[in-house]
Amino acid sequence: MAKLSSINKNERRKKLVQQYANKYAKLKAIADDESLDEGERLIARLKMAELPRNANPTRVRNRCATTGRPRGYYRKFGINRIELRDLGNKGLIPGLTKSSW
C-alpha cells in the first residue's frame, strides 16, 4: 500500500488538471500554432507558465486503484501487476485467464 499522502497529493493534482483543462488547452493550441507570429505564441507560453505547476497533465501519476502503487500499472485494468495477478487467479477479472504451457 502506498503512502496515503502520496495518493491524496495525486488526487489533488487530478482536480487541478480538470479545473484548468480548458484554459490549458486553449493556450497550448495558440502556443503550438505556427501560423501565428512569434509574439502571440510567446505571450501564450508565458501565460501557461503562470498557471499552477500541478495543473499540467503530465504531473498526474498513474496509480493502482486498489493499492495506490505507482509502478507496474496496467492502463487497461487500472491496477498494478501484483493486483492483476491476484485478481486474475481468483477469477475476478472477466475475460482474463492464466496462461500455462
N, C-alpha and C. Protein backbone atom coordinates (compact mmCIF):
# COMPACT_ATOMS: atom_id res chain seq x y z
N MET A 1 0.84 -1.18 0.00
CA MET A 1 0.00 0.00 0.00
C MET A 1 0.88 1.24 0.00
N ALA A 2 0.58 2.16 -0.89
CA ALA A 2 1.34 3.39 -0.97
C ALA A 2 0.96 4.31 0.19
N LYS A 3 1.82 5.29 0.44
CA LYS A 3 1.53 6.26 1.48
C LYS A 3 0.26 7.02 1.12
N LEU A 4 -0.58 7.22 2.11
CA LEU A 4 -1.84 7.91 1.88
C LEU A 4 -1.61 9.35 1.42
N SER A 5 -0.53 9.97 1.88
CA SER A 5 -0.23 11.34 1.47
C SER A 5 0.08 11.40 -0.03
N SER A 6 0.76 10.39 -0.56
CA SER A 6 1.08 10.36 -1.99
C SER A 6 -0.19 10.19 -2.82
N ILE A 7 -1.08 9.34 -2.35
CA ILE A 7 -2.34 9.13 -3.06
C ILE A 7 -3.17 10.40 -3.06
N ASN A 8 -3.24 11.06 -1.89
CA ASN A 8 -4.03 12.30 -1.79
C ASN A 8 -3.43 13.42 -2.63
N LYS A 9 -2.11 13.50 -2.67
CA LYS A 9 -1.44 14.51 -3.48
C LYS A 9 -1.79 14.33 -4.96
N ASN A 10 -1.80 13.08 -5.40
CA ASN A 10 -2.13 12.79 -6.79
C ASN A 10 -3.59 13.14 -7.09
N GLU A 11 -4.48 12.91 -6.14
CA GLU A 11 -5.89 13.26 -6.32
C GLU A 11 -6.06 14.78 -6.43
N ARG A 12 -5.32 15.53 -5.62
CA ARG A 12 -5.37 17.00 -5.73
C ARG A 12 -4.88 17.46 -7.09
N ARG A 13 -3.85 16.80 -7.61
CA ARG A 13 -3.34 17.14 -8.93
C ARG A 13 -4.39 16.87 -10.00
N LYS A 14 -5.10 15.76 -9.89
CA LYS A 14 -6.14 15.43 -10.87
C LYS A 14 -7.23 16.49 -10.88
N LYS A 15 -7.61 16.98 -9.69
CA LYS A 15 -8.62 18.03 -9.61
C LYS A 15 -8.14 19.32 -10.26
N LEU A 16 -6.88 19.69 -10.01
CA LEU A 16 -6.33 20.91 -10.60
C LEU A 16 -6.25 20.79 -12.12
N VAL A 17 -5.85 19.63 -12.62
CA VAL A 17 -5.77 19.42 -14.06
C VAL A 17 -7.15 19.59 -14.67
N GLN A 18 -8.17 19.02 -14.03
CA GLN A 18 -9.53 19.14 -14.53
C GLN A 18 -10.00 20.60 -14.49
N GLN A 19 -9.64 21.31 -13.45
CA GLN A 19 -10.07 22.70 -13.27
C GLN A 19 -9.49 23.60 -14.37
N TYR A 20 -8.22 23.38 -14.73
CA TYR A 20 -7.55 24.24 -15.69
C TYR A 20 -7.48 23.63 -17.09
N ALA A 21 -8.19 22.55 -17.37
CA ALA A 21 -8.07 21.84 -18.64
C ALA A 21 -8.41 22.72 -19.84
N ASN A 22 -9.51 23.46 -19.78
CA ASN A 22 -9.91 24.28 -20.92
C ASN A 22 -8.91 25.39 -21.19
N LYS A 23 -8.51 26.09 -20.13
CA LYS A 23 -7.56 27.19 -20.28
C LYS A 23 -6.22 26.68 -20.81
N TYR A 24 -5.77 25.55 -20.26
CA TYR A 24 -4.51 24.96 -20.68
C TYR A 24 -4.56 24.55 -22.16
N ALA A 25 -5.67 23.96 -22.58
CA ALA A 25 -5.81 23.51 -23.97
C ALA A 25 -5.80 24.69 -24.95
N LYS A 26 -6.50 25.76 -24.58
CA LYS A 26 -6.54 26.94 -25.45
C LYS A 26 -5.14 27.56 -25.60
N LEU A 27 -4.45 27.74 -24.47
CA LEU A 27 -3.11 28.33 -24.52
C LEU A 27 -2.14 27.43 -25.28
N LYS A 28 -2.27 26.14 -25.10
CA LYS A 28 -1.39 25.18 -25.78
C LYS A 28 -1.62 25.24 -27.28
N ALA A 29 -2.88 25.36 -27.71
CA ALA A 29 -3.19 25.45 -29.13
C ALA A 29 -2.58 26.72 -29.74
N ILE A 30 -2.68 27.82 -29.02
CA ILE A 30 -2.10 29.08 -29.51
C ILE A 30 -0.58 28.98 -29.57
N ALA A 31 0.03 28.41 -28.55
CA ALA A 31 1.49 28.31 -28.48
C ALA A 31 2.04 27.39 -29.58
N ASP A 32 1.29 26.39 -29.98
CA ASP A 32 1.76 25.44 -30.99
C ASP A 32 1.39 25.83 -32.42
N ASP A 33 0.53 26.84 -32.59
CA ASP A 33 0.07 27.26 -33.91
C ASP A 33 1.17 28.06 -34.61
N GLU A 34 1.77 27.47 -35.63
CA GLU A 34 2.89 28.13 -36.32
C GLU A 34 2.44 29.22 -37.28
N SER A 35 1.13 29.32 -37.56
CA SER A 35 0.65 30.38 -38.46
C SER A 35 0.61 31.74 -37.75
N LEU A 36 0.61 31.73 -36.42
CA LEU A 36 0.63 32.99 -35.66
C LEU A 36 2.05 33.52 -35.56
N ASP A 37 2.18 34.83 -35.28
CA ASP A 37 3.52 35.39 -35.14
C ASP A 37 4.13 35.00 -33.79
N GLU A 38 5.42 35.17 -33.69
CA GLU A 38 6.17 34.73 -32.50
C GLU A 38 5.73 35.45 -31.23
N GLY A 39 5.32 36.71 -31.35
CA GLY A 39 4.90 37.48 -30.18
C GLY A 39 3.69 36.87 -29.49
N GLU A 40 2.67 36.52 -30.29
CA GLU A 40 1.46 35.93 -29.71
C GLU A 40 1.76 34.58 -29.09
N ARG A 41 2.59 33.81 -29.76
CA ARG A 41 2.94 32.48 -29.24
C ARG A 41 3.72 32.60 -27.94
N LEU A 42 4.61 33.58 -27.86
CA LEU A 42 5.39 33.80 -26.66
C LEU A 42 4.50 34.21 -25.49
N ILE A 43 3.53 35.08 -25.77
CA ILE A 43 2.60 35.51 -24.74
C ILE A 43 1.79 34.32 -24.21
N ALA A 44 1.38 33.43 -25.12
CA ALA A 44 0.62 32.24 -24.70
C ALA A 44 1.48 31.34 -23.81
N ARG A 45 2.75 31.20 -24.16
CA ARG A 45 3.65 30.38 -23.35
C ARG A 45 3.89 31.00 -21.97
N LEU A 46 3.98 32.31 -21.92
CA LEU A 46 4.16 32.98 -20.63
C LEU A 46 2.92 32.82 -19.75
N LYS A 47 1.73 32.88 -20.39
CA LYS A 47 0.50 32.67 -19.62
C LYS A 47 0.40 31.24 -19.13
N MET A 48 0.90 30.27 -19.92
CA MET A 48 0.92 28.88 -19.49
C MET A 48 1.84 28.71 -18.29
N ALA A 49 2.93 29.47 -18.27
CA ALA A 49 3.89 29.39 -17.17
C ALA A 49 3.30 29.96 -15.88
N GLU A 50 2.31 30.84 -16.00
CA GLU A 50 1.68 31.43 -14.82
C GLU A 50 0.67 30.48 -14.16
N LEU A 51 0.22 29.47 -14.89
CA LEU A 51 -0.71 28.50 -14.32
C LEU A 51 0.02 27.69 -13.24
N PRO A 52 -0.72 27.14 -12.30
CA PRO A 52 -0.07 26.30 -11.27
C PRO A 52 0.64 25.12 -11.92
N ARG A 53 1.77 24.72 -11.37
CA ARG A 53 2.53 23.61 -11.94
C ARG A 53 1.74 22.32 -11.94
N ASN A 54 0.97 22.11 -10.90
CA ASN A 54 0.21 20.87 -10.81
C ASN A 54 -1.00 20.86 -11.73
N ALA A 55 -1.24 21.94 -12.48
CA ALA A 55 -2.32 21.97 -13.46
C ALA A 55 -1.88 21.33 -14.77
N ASN A 56 -0.60 21.00 -14.87
CA ASN A 56 -0.08 20.35 -16.07
C ASN A 56 -0.43 18.87 -16.03
N PRO A 57 -1.06 18.32 -17.09
CA PRO A 57 -1.49 16.92 -17.06
C PRO A 57 -0.35 15.91 -16.90
N THR A 58 0.87 16.29 -17.26
CA THR A 58 1.97 15.33 -17.15
C THR A 58 2.40 15.09 -15.71
N ARG A 59 1.93 15.91 -14.78
CA ARG A 59 2.32 15.73 -13.38
C ARG A 59 1.43 14.72 -12.65
N VAL A 60 0.35 14.28 -13.30
CA VAL A 60 -0.51 13.26 -12.68
C VAL A 60 0.14 11.90 -12.89
N ARG A 61 0.19 11.11 -11.83
CA ARG A 61 0.82 9.80 -11.86
C ARG A 61 -0.25 8.73 -11.92
N ASN A 62 -0.07 7.75 -12.81
CA ASN A 62 -0.99 6.62 -12.84
C ASN A 62 -0.74 5.74 -11.62
N ARG A 63 -1.79 5.48 -10.87
CA ARG A 63 -1.67 4.67 -9.66
C ARG A 63 -2.74 3.59 -9.65
N CYS A 64 -2.42 2.49 -9.00
CA CYS A 64 -3.34 1.37 -8.85
C CYS A 64 -4.58 1.83 -8.09
N ALA A 65 -5.74 1.38 -8.55
CA ALA A 65 -6.99 1.79 -7.91
C ALA A 65 -7.16 1.17 -6.53
N THR A 66 -6.59 0.00 -6.31
CA THR A 66 -6.79 -0.68 -5.03
C THR A 66 -5.70 -0.37 -4.01
N THR A 67 -4.44 -0.33 -4.45
CA THR A 67 -3.34 -0.16 -3.50
C THR A 67 -2.66 1.20 -3.59
N GLY A 68 -2.77 1.87 -4.71
CA GLY A 68 -2.10 3.16 -4.89
C GLY A 68 -0.68 3.02 -5.38
N ARG A 69 -0.25 1.80 -5.70
CA ARG A 69 1.11 1.57 -6.17
C ARG A 69 1.33 2.26 -7.52
N PRO A 70 2.43 3.03 -7.66
CA PRO A 70 2.65 3.77 -8.90
C PRO A 70 3.36 2.99 -10.00
N ARG A 71 3.98 1.89 -9.66
CA ARG A 71 4.76 1.16 -10.67
C ARG A 71 4.04 -0.11 -11.09
N GLY A 72 4.35 -0.57 -12.30
CA GLY A 72 3.74 -1.79 -12.81
C GLY A 72 2.26 -1.61 -13.07
N TYR A 73 1.86 -0.43 -13.55
CA TYR A 73 0.46 -0.07 -13.73
C TYR A 73 -0.02 -0.50 -15.12
N TYR A 74 -1.15 -1.18 -15.19
CA TYR A 74 -1.77 -1.57 -16.46
C TYR A 74 -2.95 -0.63 -16.72
N ARG A 75 -2.85 0.17 -17.77
CA ARG A 75 -3.88 1.15 -18.07
C ARG A 75 -5.23 0.49 -18.37
N LYS A 76 -5.18 -0.64 -19.07
CA LYS A 76 -6.41 -1.31 -19.47
C LYS A 76 -7.27 -1.70 -18.27
N PHE A 77 -6.63 -2.08 -17.17
CA PHE A 77 -7.35 -2.54 -16.00
C PHE A 77 -7.38 -1.51 -14.87
N GLY A 78 -6.45 -0.57 -14.87
CA GLY A 78 -6.39 0.44 -13.82
C GLY A 78 -5.79 -0.06 -12.53
N ILE A 79 -5.09 -1.20 -12.59
CA ILE A 79 -4.46 -1.77 -11.40
C ILE A 79 -3.02 -2.15 -11.72
N ASN A 80 -2.26 -2.47 -10.68
CA ASN A 80 -0.86 -2.82 -10.90
C ASN A 80 -0.72 -4.31 -11.19
N ARG A 81 0.48 -4.73 -11.52
CA ARG A 81 0.73 -6.10 -11.95
C ARG A 81 0.45 -7.13 -10.85
N ILE A 82 0.72 -6.76 -9.61
CA ILE A 82 0.53 -7.69 -8.50
C ILE A 82 -0.96 -7.93 -8.27
N GLU A 83 -1.73 -6.85 -8.25
CA GLU A 83 -3.18 -6.98 -8.08
C GLU A 83 -3.80 -7.69 -9.28
N LEU A 84 -3.27 -7.43 -10.46
CA LEU A 84 -3.78 -8.09 -11.67
C LEU A 84 -3.61 -9.59 -11.55
N ARG A 85 -2.47 -10.02 -11.09
CA ARG A 85 -2.22 -11.45 -10.93
C ARG A 85 -3.13 -12.07 -9.85
N ASP A 86 -3.25 -11.38 -8.71
CA ASP A 86 -4.09 -11.90 -7.62
C ASP A 86 -5.55 -12.00 -8.05
N LEU A 87 -6.07 -10.92 -8.61
CA LEU A 87 -7.48 -10.91 -9.02
C LEU A 87 -7.72 -11.86 -10.19
N GLY A 88 -6.73 -11.97 -11.09
CA GLY A 88 -6.86 -12.89 -12.22
C GLY A 88 -6.89 -14.34 -11.77
N ASN A 89 -6.05 -14.68 -10.80
CA ASN A 89 -6.04 -16.06 -10.28
C ASN A 89 -7.33 -16.41 -9.55
N LYS A 90 -7.94 -15.40 -8.93
CA LYS A 90 -9.20 -15.64 -8.23
C LYS A 90 -10.39 -15.64 -9.18
N GLY A 91 -10.15 -15.25 -10.45
CA GLY A 91 -11.23 -15.22 -11.43
C GLY A 91 -12.13 -14.01 -11.30
N LEU A 92 -11.63 -12.92 -10.75
CA LEU A 92 -12.44 -11.72 -10.53
C LEU A 92 -12.37 -10.73 -11.69
N ILE A 93 -11.50 -10.99 -12.68
CA ILE A 93 -11.41 -10.11 -13.84
C ILE A 93 -11.99 -10.86 -15.04
N PRO A 94 -13.12 -10.41 -15.58
CA PRO A 94 -13.77 -11.12 -16.68
C PRO A 94 -12.88 -11.15 -17.93
N GLY A 95 -12.80 -12.32 -18.54
CA GLY A 95 -12.06 -12.48 -19.78
C GLY A 95 -10.58 -12.71 -19.59
N LEU A 96 -10.08 -12.68 -18.39
CA LEU A 96 -8.67 -12.87 -18.13
C LEU A 96 -8.44 -14.30 -17.67
N THR A 97 -7.54 -15.01 -18.37
CA THR A 97 -7.21 -16.38 -17.98
C THR A 97 -5.73 -16.51 -17.78
N LYS A 98 -5.33 -17.35 -16.89
CA LYS A 98 -3.91 -17.59 -16.62
C LYS A 98 -3.37 -18.52 -17.69
N SER A 99 -2.31 -18.10 -18.32
CA SER A 99 -1.75 -18.94 -19.38
C SER A 99 -0.79 -19.96 -18.77
N SER A 100 -0.72 -21.11 -19.39
CA SER A 100 0.23 -22.13 -18.97
C SER A 100 0.64 -22.94 -20.18
N TRP A 101 1.91 -23.32 -20.24
CA TRP A 101 2.40 -24.11 -21.37
C TRP A 101 3.46 -25.07 -20.94
